[in-house]
Amino acid sequence: MGKSEVEGLSRRGLFRLAKEVGLIHSIDEWMLFHAARNEISHTYDKNTAEEVFEISRNFLPVVKKLLTQLELKND
């Protein structure tokens, strides 16, 4: 896959493509991570920070799965 396949895609489109090629398992999960990142970068509310913290706790295992898939596809 090259630059031409991903140029101009929306974030959801990129996640959809990543799912189609087996890099990720859930588009919605990655959209949630992205939304949480956007939310916390513009918000200083304690409740929002706690919500984003809870979401972020799931990020490490999911991104480790992505790394594994990238390594498998790169061999």
PDB file of N, CA and C in Angstrom:
ATOM      1  N   MET A   1       0.848  -1.157   0.000  1.00  0.00           N
ATOM      2  CA  MET A   1       0.000   0.000   0.000  1.00  0.00           C
ATOM      3  C   MET A   1       0.902   1.231   0.000  1.00  0.00           C
ATOM      4  N   GLY A   2       0.517   2.187  -0.781  1.00  0.00           N
ATOM      5  CA  GLY A   2       1.329   3.388  -0.905  1.00  0.00           C
ATOM      6  C   GLY A   2       0.566   4.652  -0.577  1.00  0.00           C
ATOM      7  N   LYS A   3       1.273   5.739  -0.747  1.00  0.00           N
ATOM      8  CA  LYS A   3       0.728   7.061  -0.449  1.00  0.00           C
ATOM      9  C   LYS A   3      -0.551   7.340  -1.235  1.00  0.00           C
ATOM     10  N   SER A   4      -0.602   6.885  -2.468  1.00  0.00           N
ATOM     11  CA  SER A   4      -1.761   7.177  -3.317  1.00  0.00           C
ATOM     12  C   SER A   4      -3.048   6.543  -2.787  1.00  0.00           C
ATOM     13  N   GLU A   5      -2.939   5.429  -2.074  1.00  0.00           N
ATOM     14  CA  GLU A   5      -4.138   4.769  -1.531  1.00  0.00           C
ATOM     15  C   GLU A   5      -4.714   5.500  -0.323  1.00  0.00           C
ATOM     16  N   VAL A   6      -3.899   6.283   0.356  1.00  0.00           N
ATOM     17  CA  VAL A   6      -4.381   6.920   1.584  1.00  0.00           C
ATOM     18  C   VAL A   6      -4.554   8.431   1.462  1.00  0.00           C
ATOM     19  N   GLU A   7      -3.984   9.014   0.434  1.00  0.00           N
ATOM     20  CA  GLU A   7      -4.116  10.459   0.250  1.00  0.00           C
ATOM     21  C   GLU A   7      -5.578  10.852   0.095  1.00  0.00           C
ATOM     22  N   GLY A   8      -5.983  11.853   0.832  1.00  0.00           N
ATOM     23  CA  GLY A   8      -7.336  12.374   0.713  1.00  0.00           C
ATOM     24  C   GLY A   8      -8.386  11.634   1.519  1.00  0.00           C
ATOM     25  N   LEU A   9      -8.011  10.548   2.184  1.00  0.00           N
ATOM     26  CA  LEU A   9      -8.985   9.811   2.994  1.00  0.00           C
ATOM     27  C   LEU A   9      -9.262  10.553   4.296  1.00  0.00           C
ATOM     28  N   SER A  10     -10.491  10.458   4.747  1.00  0.00           N
ATOM     29  CA  SER A  10     -10.847  11.004   6.059  1.00  0.00           C
ATOM     30  C   SER A  10     -10.240  10.111   7.137  1.00  0.00           C
ATOM     31  N   ARG A  11     -10.301  10.568   8.356  1.00  0.00           N
ATOM     32  CA  ARG A  11      -9.794   9.750   9.465  1.00  0.00           C
ATOM     33  C   ARG A  11     -10.535   8.416   9.500  1.00  0.00           C
ATOM     34  N   ARG A  12     -11.875   8.468   9.388  1.00  0.00           N
ATOM     35  CA  ARG A  12     -12.656   7.222   9.384  1.00  0.00           C
ATOM     36  C   ARG A  12     -12.261   6.357   8.195  1.00  0.00           C
ATOM     37  N   GLY A  13     -12.028   6.982   7.058  1.00  0.00           N
ATOM     38  CA  GLY A  13     -11.593   6.241   5.876  1.00  0.00           C
ATOM     39  C   GLY A  13     -10.257   5.553   6.092  1.00  0.00           C
ATOM     40  N   LEU A  14      -9.340   6.240   6.759  1.00  0.00           N
ATOM     41  CA  LEU A  14      -8.043   5.625   7.075  1.00  0.00           C
ATOM     42  C   LEU A  14      -8.220   4.436   8.007  1.00  0.00           C
ATOM     43  N   PHE A  15      -9.061   4.606   9.023  1.00  0.00           N
ATOM     44  CA  PHE A  15      -9.303   3.499   9.949  1.00  0.00           C
ATOM     45  C   PHE A  15     -10.021   2.347   9.247  1.00  0.00           C
ATOM     46  N   ARG A  16     -10.936   2.664   8.342  1.00  0.00           N
ATOM     47  CA  ARG A  16     -11.638   1.627   7.578  1.00  0.00           C
ATOM     48  C   ARG A  16     -10.636   0.826   6.743  1.00  0.00           C
ATOM     49  N   LEU A  17      -9.737   1.529   6.082  1.00  0.00           N
ATOM     50  CA  LEU A  17      -8.713   0.865   5.280  1.00  0.00           C
ATOM     51  C   LEU A  17      -7.807   0.006   6.161  1.00  0.00           C
ATOM     52  N   ALA A  18      -7.427   0.535   7.317  1.00  0.00           N
ATOM     53  CA  ALA A  18      -6.591  -0.231   8.245  1.00  0.00           C
ATOM     54  C   ALA A  18      -7.296  -1.510   8.682  1.00  0.00           C
ATOM     55  N   LYS A  19      -8.601  -1.435   8.873  1.00  0.00           N
ATOM     56  CA  LYS A  19      -9.355  -2.641   9.242  1.00  0.00           C
ATOM     57  C   LYS A  19      -9.414  -3.618   8.069  1.00  0.00           C
ATOM     58  N   GLU A  20      -9.640  -3.105   6.879  1.00  0.00           N
ATOM     59  CA  GLU A  20      -9.727  -3.970   5.695  1.00  0.00           C
ATOM     60  C   GLU A  20      -8.440  -4.756   5.462  1.00  0.00           C
ATOM     61  N   VAL A  21      -7.300  -4.152   5.762  1.00  0.00           N
ATOM     62  CA  VAL A  21      -6.028  -4.851   5.540  1.00  0.00           C
ATOM     63  C   VAL A  21      -5.544  -5.585   6.787  1.00  0.00           C
ATOM     64  N   GLY A  22      -6.392  -5.617   7.832  1.00  0.00           N
ATOM     65  CA  GLY A  22      -6.090  -6.411   9.016  1.00  0.00           C
ATOM     66  C   GLY A  22      -5.167  -5.762  10.032  1.00  0.00           C
ATOM     67  N   LEU A  23      -5.004  -4.449   9.957  1.00  0.00           N
ATOM     68  CA  LEU A  23      -4.129  -3.786  10.927  1.00  0.00           C
ATOM     69  C   LEU A  23      -4.829  -3.512  12.251  1.00  0.00           C
ATOM     70  N   ILE A  24      -6.119  -3.204  12.189  1.00  0.00           N
ATOM     71  CA  ILE A  24      -6.886  -2.940  13.406  1.00  0.00           C
ATOM     72  C   ILE A  24      -8.154  -3.781  13.371  1.00  0.00           C
ATOM     73  N   HIS A  25      -8.794  -3.905  14.536  1.00  0.00           N
ATOM     74  CA  HIS A  25      -9.994  -4.736  14.628  1.00  0.00           C
ATOM     75  C   HIS A  25     -11.282  -3.928  14.712  1.00  0.00           C
ATOM     76  N   SER A  26     -11.174  -2.669  15.144  1.00  0.00           N
ATOM     77  CA  SER A  26     -12.391  -1.879  15.353  1.00  0.00           C
ATOM     78  C   SER A  26     -12.190  -0.430  14.925  1.00  0.00           C
ATOM     79  N   ILE A  27     -12.937  -0.019  13.936  1.00  0.00           N
ATOM     80  CA  ILE A  27     -12.903   1.378  13.485  1.00  0.00           C
ATOM     81  C   ILE A  27     -13.424   2.279  14.598  1.00  0.00           C
ATOM     82  N   ASP A  28     -14.525   1.883  15.216  1.00  0.00           N
ATOM     83  CA  ASP A  28     -15.140   2.707  16.262  1.00  0.00           C
ATOM     84  C   ASP A  28     -14.202   2.921  17.449  1.00  0.00           C
ATOM     85  N   GLU A  29     -13.452   1.897  17.799  1.00  0.00           N
ATOM     86  CA  GLU A  29     -12.515   2.021  18.913  1.00  0.00           C
ATOM     87  C   GLU A  29     -11.450   3.080  18.608  1.00  0.00           C
ATOM     88  N   TRP A  30     -10.926   3.063  17.391  1.00  0.00           N
ATOM     89  CA  TRP A  30      -9.916   4.046  17.004  1.00  0.00           C
ATOM     90  C   TRP A  30     -10.522   5.439  16.867  1.00  0.00           C
ATOM     91  N   MET A  31     -11.763   5.530  16.419  1.00  0.00           N
ATOM     92  CA  MET A  31     -12.435   6.831  16.366  1.00  0.00           C
ATOM     93  C   MET A  31     -12.630   7.378  17.784  1.00  0.00           C
ATOM     94  N   LEU A  32     -12.935   6.502  18.730  1.00  0.00           N
ATOM     95  CA  LEU A  32     -13.085   6.913  20.123  1.00  0.00           C
ATOM     96  C   LEU A  32     -11.764   7.442  20.673  1.00  0.00           C
ATOM     97  N   PHE A  33     -10.666   6.750  20.389  1.00  0.00           N
ATOM     98  CA  PHE A  33      -9.352   7.228  20.828  1.00  0.00           C
ATOM     99  C   PHE A  33      -9.064   8.613  20.248  1.00  0.00           C
ATOM    100  N   HIS A  34      -9.354   8.778  18.981  1.00  0.00           N
ATOM    101  CA  HIS A  34      -9.100  10.063  18.326  1.00  0.00           C
ATOM    102  C   HIS A  34      -9.976  11.170  18.928  1.00  0.00           C
ATOM    103  N   ALA A  35     -11.243  10.869  19.147  1.00  0.00           N
ATOM    104  CA  ALA A  35     -12.154  11.860  19.734  1.00  0.00           C
ATOM    105  C   ALA A  35     -11.705  12.241  21.145  1.00  0.00           C
ATOM    106  N   ALA A  36     -11.255  11.258  21.915  1.00  0.00           N
ATOM    107  CA  ALA A  36     -10.782  11.531  23.274  1.00  0.00           C
ATOM    108  C   ALA A  36      -9.550  12.418  23.239  1.00  0.00           C
ATOM    109  N   ARG A  37      -8.662  12.158  22.326  1.00  0.00           N
ATOM    110  CA  ARG A  37      -7.463  12.977  22.177  1.00  0.00           C
ATOM    111  C   ARG A  37      -7.842  14.417  21.844  1.00  0.00           C
ATOM    112  N   ASN A  38      -8.772  14.586  20.923  1.00  0.00           N
ATOM    113  CA  ASN A  38      -9.213  15.935  20.564  1.00  0.00           C
ATOM    114  C   ASN A  38      -9.898  16.628  21.738  1.00  0.00           C
ATOM    115  N   GLU A  39     -10.698  15.876  22.454  1.00  0.00           N
ATOM    116  CA  GLU A  39     -11.448  16.440  23.580  1.00  0.00           C
ATOM    117  C   GLU A  39     -10.509  16.957  24.667  1.00  0.00           C
ATOM    118  N   ILE A  40      -9.531  16.175  25.023  1.00  0.00           N
ATOM    119  CA  ILE A  40      -8.666  16.553  26.139  1.00  0.00           C
ATOM    120  C   ILE A  40      -7.722  17.691  25.762  1.00  0.00           C
ATOM    121  N   SER A  41      -7.396  17.820  24.500  1.00  0.00           N
ATOM    122  CA  SER A  41      -6.471  18.887  24.111  1.00  0.00           C
ATOM    123  C   SER A  41      -7.128  20.264  24.153  1.00  0.00           C
ATOM    124  N   HIS A  42      -8.451  20.315  24.253  1.00  0.00           N
ATOM    125  CA  HIS A  42      -9.164  21.591  24.278  1.00  0.00           C
ATOM    126  C   HIS A  42     -10.004  21.782  25.541  1.00  0.00           C
ATOM    127  N   THR A  43      -9.903  20.861  26.491  1.00  0.00           N
ATOM    128  CA  THR A  43     -10.760  20.890  27.666  1.00  0.00           C
ATOM    129  C   THR A  43      -9.923  20.762  28.930  1.00  0.00           C
ATOM    130  N   TYR A  44     -10.303  21.496  29.925  1.00  0.00           N
ATOM    131  CA  TYR A  44      -9.600  21.422  31.205  1.00  0.00           C
ATOM    132  C   TYR A  44     -10.562  21.059  32.330  1.00  0.00           C
ATOM    133  N   ASP A  45     -11.647  20.431  31.967  1.00  0.00           N
ATOM    134  CA  ASP A  45     -12.682  20.019  32.900  1.00  0.00           C
ATOM    135  C   ASP A  45     -12.293  18.689  33.547  1.00  0.00           C
ATOM    136  N   LYS A  46     -12.447  18.585  34.864  1.00  0.00           N
ATOM    137  CA  LYS A  46     -12.053  17.376  35.588  1.00  0.00           C
ATOM    138  C   LYS A  46     -12.824  16.145  35.113  1.00  0.00           C
ATOM    139  N   ASN A  47     -14.129  16.262  34.927  1.00  0.00           N
ATOM    140  CA  ASN A  47     -14.931  15.112  34.496  1.00  0.00           C
ATOM    141  C   ASN A  47     -14.502  14.624  33.120  1.00  0.00           C
ATOM    142  N   THR A  48     -14.250  15.555  32.217  1.00  0.00           N
ATOM    143  CA  THR A  48     -13.790  15.175  30.880  1.00  0.00           C
ATOM    144  C   THR A  48     -12.436  14.498  30.967  1.00  0.00           C
ATOM    145  N   ALA A  49     -11.557  15.036  31.787  1.00  0.00           N
ATOM    146  CA  ALA A  49     -10.226  14.437  31.958  1.00  0.00           C
ATOM    147  C   ALA A  49     -10.338  13.010  32.480  1.00  0.00           C
ATOM    148  N   GLU A  50     -11.239  12.778  33.411  1.00  0.00           N
ATOM    149  CA  GLU A  50     -11.428  11.425  33.946  1.00  0.00           C
ATOM    150  C   GLU A  50     -11.981  10.482  32.880  1.00  0.00           C
ATOM    151  N   GLU A  51     -12.911  10.965  32.064  1.00  0.00           N
ATOM    152  CA  GLU A  51     -13.457  10.140  30.977  1.00  0.00           C
ATOM    153  C   GLU A  51     -12.363   9.768  29.979  1.00  0.00           C
ATOM    154  N   VAL A  52     -11.559  10.743  29.613  1.00  0.00           N
ATOM    155  CA  VAL A  52     -10.478  10.493  28.658  1.00  0.00           C
ATOM    156  C   VAL A  52      -9.448   9.545  29.263  1.00  0.00           C
ATOM    157  N   PHE A  53      -9.181   9.690  30.545  1.00  0.00           N
ATOM    158  CA  PHE A  53      -8.257   8.776  31.216  1.00  0.00           C
ATOM    159  C   PHE A  53      -8.757   7.340  31.112  1.00  0.00           C
ATOM    160  N   GLU A  54     -10.036   7.127  31.362  1.00  0.00           N
ATOM    161  CA  GLU A  54     -10.600   5.775  31.271  1.00  0.00           C
ATOM    162  C   GLU A  54     -10.475   5.224  29.851  1.00  0.00           C
ATOM    163  N   ILE A  55     -10.749   6.048  28.867  1.00  0.00           N
ATOM    164  CA  ILE A  55     -10.613   5.615  27.470  1.00  0.00           C
ATOM    165  C   ILE A  55      -9.160   5.281  27.166  1.00  0.00           C
ATOM    166  N   SER A  56      -8.249   6.115  27.659  1.00  0.00           N
ATOM    167  CA  SER A  56      -6.831   5.926  27.345  1.00  0.00           C
ATOM    168  C   SER A  56      -6.260   4.655  27.956  1.00  0.00           C
ATOM    169  N   ARG A  57      -6.882   4.149  28.994  1.00  0.00           N
ATOM    170  CA  ARG A  57      -6.403   2.904  29.608  1.00  0.00           C
ATOM    171  C   ARG A  57      -6.488   1.736  28.629  1.00  0.00           C
ATOM    172  N   ASN A  58      -7.388   1.825  27.670  1.00  0.00           N
ATOM    173  CA  ASN A  58      -7.537   0.761  26.672  1.00  0.00           C
ATOM    174  C   ASN A  58      -6.589   0.927  25.489  1.00  0.00           C
ATOM    175  N   PHE A  59      -5.941   2.081  25.391  1.00  0.00           N
ATOM    176  CA  PHE A  59      -5.139   2.375  24.209  1.00  0.00           C
ATOM    177  C   PHE A  59      -3.907   1.478  24.090  1.00  0.00           C
ATOM    178  N   LEU A  60      -3.162   1.277  25.167  1.00  0.00           N
ATOM    179  CA  LEU A  60      -1.915   0.515  25.087  1.00  0.00           C
ATOM    180  C   LEU A  60      -2.110  -0.895  24.533  1.00  0.00           C
ATOM    181  N   PRO A  61      -3.047  -1.699  25.052  1.00  0.00           N
ATOM    182  CA  PRO A  61      -3.191  -3.043  24.478  1.00  0.00           C
ATOM    183  C   PRO A  61      -3.620  -3.022  23.010  1.00  0.00           C
ATOM    184  N   VAL A  62      -4.426  -2.050  22.643  1.00  0.00           N
ATOM    185  CA  VAL A  62      -4.890  -1.960  21.254  1.00  0.00           C
ATOM    186  C   VAL A  62      -3.739  -1.572  20.336  1.00  0.00           C
ATOM    187  N   VAL A  63      -2.932  -0.620  20.760  1.00  0.00           N
ATOM    188  CA  VAL A  63      -1.819  -0.188  19.916  1.00  0.00           C
ATOM    189  C   VAL A  63      -0.732  -1.271  19.855  1.00  0.00           C
ATOM    190  N   LYS A  64      -0.611  -2.088  20.892  1.00  0.00           N
ATOM    191  CA  LYS A  64       0.326  -3.218  20.839  1.00  0.00           C
ATOM    192  C   LYS A  64      -0.116  -4.225  19.778  1.00  0.00           C
ATOM    193  N   LYS A  65      -1.431  -4.440  19.664  1.00  0.00           N
ATOM    194  CA  LYS A  65      -1.946  -5.326  18.611  1.00  0.00           C
ATOM    195  C   LYS A  65      -1.636  -4.751  17.236  1.00  0.00           C
ATOM    196  N   LEU A  66      -1.798  -3.442  17.092  1.00  0.00           N
ATOM    197  CA  LEU A  66      -1.465  -2.789  15.823  1.00  0.00           C
ATOM    198  C   LEU A  66       0.011  -2.984  15.504  1.00  0.00           C
ATOM    199  N   LEU A  67       0.881  -2.781  16.474  1.00  0.00           N
ATOM    200  CA  LEU A  67       2.315  -2.960  16.257  1.00  0.00           C
ATOM    201  C   LEU A  67       2.626  -4.385  15.818  1.00  0.00           C
ATOM    202  N   THR A  68       1.996  -5.355  16.453  1.00  0.00           N
ATOM    203  CA  THR A  68       2.197  -6.755  16.068  1.00  0.00           C
ATOM    204  C   THR A  68       1.792  -6.976  14.617  1.00  0.00           C
ATOM    205  N   GLN A  69       0.637  -6.454  14.224  1.00  0.00           N
ATOM    206  CA  GLN A  69       0.177  -6.610  12.841  1.00  0.00           C
ATOM    207  C   GLN A  69       1.127  -5.935  11.858  1.00  0.00           C
ATOM    208  N   LEU A  70       1.614  -4.761  12.209  1.00  0.00           N
ATOM    209  CA  LEU A  70       2.564  -4.062  11.333  1.00  0.00           C
ATOM    210  C   LEU A  70       3.852  -4.864  11.181  1.00  0.00           C
ATOM    211  N   GLU A  71       4.327  -5.430  12.277  1.00  0.00           N
ATOM    212  CA  GLU A  71       5.549  -6.241  12.220  1.00  0.00           C
ATOM    213  C   GLU A  71       5.338  -7.486  11.368  1.00  0.00           C
ATOM    214  N   LEU A  72       4.184  -8.142  11.506  1.00  0.00           N
ATOM    215  CA  LEU A  72       3.895  -9.332  10.709  1.00  0.00           C
ATOM    216  C   LEU A  72       3.828  -9.005   9.221  1.00  0.00           C
ATOM    217  N   LYS A  73       3.219  -7.886   8.894  1.00  0.00           N
ATOM    218  CA  LYS A  73       3.068  -7.508   7.490  1.00  0.00           C
ATOM    219  C   LYS A  73       4.359  -6.961   6.899  1.00  0.00           C
ATOM    220  N   ASN A  74       5.293  -6.585   7.754  1.00  0.00           N
ATOM    221  CA  ASN A  74       6.547  -6.020   7.284  1.00  0.00           C
ATOM    222  C   ASN A  74       7.615  -7.084   7.079  1.00  0.00           C
ATOM    223  N   ASP A  75       7.383  -8.294   7.558  1.00  0.00           N
ATOM    224  CA  ASP A  75       8.369  -9.384   7.390  1.00  0.00           C
ATOM    225  C   ASP A  75       8.371  -9.943   5.995  1.00  0.00           C
TER     226      ASP A  75
END
